[in-house]
Amino acid sequence: MAGNARTPRKAVQFGSGDLHVDLTDVTFIDVAGIRMMTTVAKTLSRDGRRLLLHATLPGARKVIHLMGWESAPGLMHCIGATL
């Protein structure tokens, strides 16, 4: 995610509809990366859009839960689903 931090911003700004992120090949994501995703989700929710996370790592789901971010507006986990 760090190498492509601008990509979600462009999708939010210029895209339409929900934004799907396939995390299948992600082996590690830190709190800053998760925070960026919740911020993107919140921004999308202002336009009635959502950020759908596919194949989220169990560790990332745990951090999201511990931080209380699972209720972030516009953030949805598609557990068990990949693109």
C-alpha atoms as a PDB file:
ATOM      1  CA  MET A   1       0.000   0.000   0.000  1.00  0.00           C
ATOM      2  CA  ALA A   2       2.777   2.459   0.858  1.00  0.00           C
ATOM      3  CA  GLY A   3       4.106   2.445  -2.688  1.00  0.00           C
ATOM      4  CA  ASN A   4       0.643   3.167  -4.091  1.00  0.00           C
ATOM      5  CA  ALA A   5      -0.720   5.622  -1.521  1.00  0.00           C
ATOM      6  CA  ARG A   6      -1.913   7.969  -4.276  1.00  0.00           C
ATOM      7  CA  THR A   7      -3.933   5.279  -6.061  1.00  0.00           C
ATOM      8  CA  PRO A   8      -6.805   5.173  -3.511  1.00  0.00           C
ATOM      9  CA  ARG A   9      -6.970   8.977  -3.481  1.00  0.00           C
ATOM     10  CA  LYS A  10      -7.323   9.038  -7.264  1.00  0.00           C
ATOM     11  CA  ALA A  11     -10.020   6.360  -7.154  1.00  0.00           C
ATOM     12  CA  VAL A  12     -11.916   8.377  -4.554  1.00  0.00           C
ATOM     13  CA  GLN A  13     -11.566  11.634  -6.431  1.00  0.00           C
ATOM     14  CA  PHE A  14     -12.132  10.466 -10.001  1.00  0.00           C
ATOM     15  CA  GLY A  15     -13.950   7.148  -9.632  1.00  0.00           C
ATOM     16  CA  SER A  16     -17.580   6.274  -9.185  1.00  0.00           C
ATOM     17  CA  GLY A  17     -19.295   3.490  -7.310  1.00  0.00           C
ATOM     18  CA  ASP A  18     -17.745   1.329  -4.627  1.00  0.00           C
ATOM     19  CA  LEU A  19     -13.995   0.815  -4.426  1.00  0.00           C
ATOM     20  CA  HIS A  20     -12.850  -2.809  -4.149  1.00  0.00           C
ATOM     21  CA  VAL A  21      -9.399  -3.598  -2.746  1.00  0.00           C
ATOM     22  CA  ASP A  22      -8.019  -7.118  -3.118  1.00  0.00           C
ATOM     23  CA  LEU A  23      -5.550  -7.765  -0.305  1.00  0.00           C
ATOM     24  CA  THR A  24      -4.744 -11.344  -1.354  1.00  0.00           C
ATOM     25  CA  ASP A  25      -1.045 -10.660  -1.961  1.00  0.00           C
ATOM     26  CA  VAL A  26      -0.573  -8.341   1.018  1.00  0.00           C
ATOM     27  CA  THR A  27       1.587 -10.063   3.622  1.00  0.00           C
ATOM     28  CA  PHE A  28       1.827  -7.159   6.083  1.00  0.00           C
ATOM     29  CA  ILE A  29       0.013  -3.899   6.695  1.00  0.00           C
ATOM     30  CA  ASP A  30       0.695  -1.549   9.581  1.00  0.00           C
ATOM     31  CA  VAL A  31      -1.664   0.702  11.512  1.00  0.00           C
ATOM     32  CA  ALA A  32      -0.884   3.637   9.200  1.00  0.00           C
ATOM     33  CA  GLY A  33      -2.029   1.595   6.196  1.00  0.00           C
ATOM     34  CA  ILE A  34      -5.203   0.523   7.940  1.00  0.00           C
ATOM     35  CA  ARG A  35      -5.860   4.109   9.031  1.00  0.00           C
ATOM     36  CA  MET A  36      -5.470   5.238   5.413  1.00  0.00           C
ATOM     37  CA  MET A  37      -8.093   2.678   4.357  1.00  0.00           C
ATOM     38  CA  THR A  38     -10.542   3.846   7.038  1.00  0.00           C
ATOM     39  CA  THR A  39      -9.979   7.461   5.961  1.00  0.00           C
ATOM     40  CA  VAL A  40     -10.642   6.523   2.336  1.00  0.00           C
ATOM     41  CA  ALA A  41     -13.778   4.633   3.417  1.00  0.00           C
ATOM     42  CA  LYS A  42     -15.043   7.641   5.354  1.00  0.00           C
ATOM     43  CA  THR A  43     -14.458   9.910   2.357  1.00  0.00           C
ATOM     44  CA  LEU A  44     -16.259   7.482   0.050  1.00  0.00           C
ATOM     45  CA  SER A  45     -19.211   7.251   2.444  1.00  0.00           C
ATOM     46  CA  ARG A  46     -19.889  10.967   2.014  1.00  0.00           C
ATOM     47  CA  ASP A  47     -21.000  10.153  -1.545  1.00  0.00           C
ATOM     48  CA  GLY A  48     -22.835   6.957  -0.583  1.00  0.00           C
ATOM     49  CA  ARG A  49     -19.910   4.802  -1.717  1.00  0.00           C
ATOM     50  CA  ARG A  50     -18.029   2.078   0.163  1.00  0.00           C
ATOM     51  CA  LEU A  51     -14.533   0.646   0.441  1.00  0.00           C
ATOM     52  CA  LEU A  52     -14.812  -3.132   0.217  1.00  0.00           C
ATOM     53  CA  LEU A  53     -11.792  -5.059   1.482  1.00  0.00           C
ATOM     54  CA  HIS A  54     -11.337  -8.530   0.018  1.00  0.00           C
ATOM     55  CA  ALA A  55      -9.080 -11.191   1.597  1.00  0.00           C
ATOM     56  CA  THR A  56      -8.147  -9.044   4.590  1.00  0.00           C
ATOM     57  CA  LEU A  57      -5.414 -10.596   6.721  1.00  0.00           C
ATOM     58  CA  PRO A  58      -6.619 -11.913  10.091  1.00  0.00           C
ATOM     59  CA  GLY A  59      -4.070  -9.676  11.831  1.00  0.00           C
ATOM     60  CA  ALA A  60      -5.360  -6.615  10.004  1.00  0.00           C
ATOM     61  CA  ARG A  61      -8.962  -7.500  10.899  1.00  0.00           C
ATOM     62  CA  LYS A  62      -7.884  -7.821  14.537  1.00  0.00           C
ATOM     63  CA  VAL A  63      -6.224  -4.372  14.527  1.00  0.00           C
ATOM     64  CA  ILE A  64      -9.293  -2.856  12.863  1.00  0.00           C
ATOM     65  CA  HIS A  65     -11.471  -4.410  15.579  1.00  0.00           C
ATOM     66  CA  LEU A  66      -9.191  -3.388  18.460  1.00  0.00           C
ATOM     67  CA  MET A  67      -9.057   0.212  17.224  1.00  0.00           C
ATOM     68  CA  GLY A  68     -12.836   0.305  16.826  1.00  0.00           C
ATOM     69  CA  TRP A  69     -12.505   0.933  13.121  1.00  0.00           C
ATOM     70  CA  GLU A  70     -14.817  -1.895  12.046  1.00  0.00           C
ATOM     71  CA  SER A  71     -17.658   0.582  12.368  1.00  0.00           C
ATOM     72  CA  ALA A  72     -15.898   3.186  10.203  1.00  0.00           C
ATOM     73  CA  PRO A  73     -18.399   4.681   7.769  1.00  0.00           C
ATOM     74  CA  GLY A  74     -18.119   3.121   4.336  1.00  0.00           C
ATOM     75  CA  LEU A  75     -15.755   0.277   5.340  1.00  0.00           C
ATOM     76  CA  MET A  76     -16.856  -3.274   4.590  1.00  0.00           C
ATOM     77  CA  HIS A  77     -14.987  -6.565   4.878  1.00  0.00           C
ATOM     78  CA  CYS A  78     -15.768  -9.237   2.336  1.00  0.00           C
ATOM     79  CA  ILE A  79     -14.503 -12.134   4.432  1.00  0.00           C
ATOM     80  CA  GLY A  80     -13.681 -15.215   2.428  1.00  0.00           C
ATOM     81  CA  ALA A  81     -14.203 -13.414  -0.859  1.00  0.00           C
ATOM     82  CA  THR A  82     -11.548 -12.496  -3.370  1.00  0.00           C
ATOM     83  CA  LEU A  83     -11.823 -10.641  -6.623  1.00  0.00           C
END
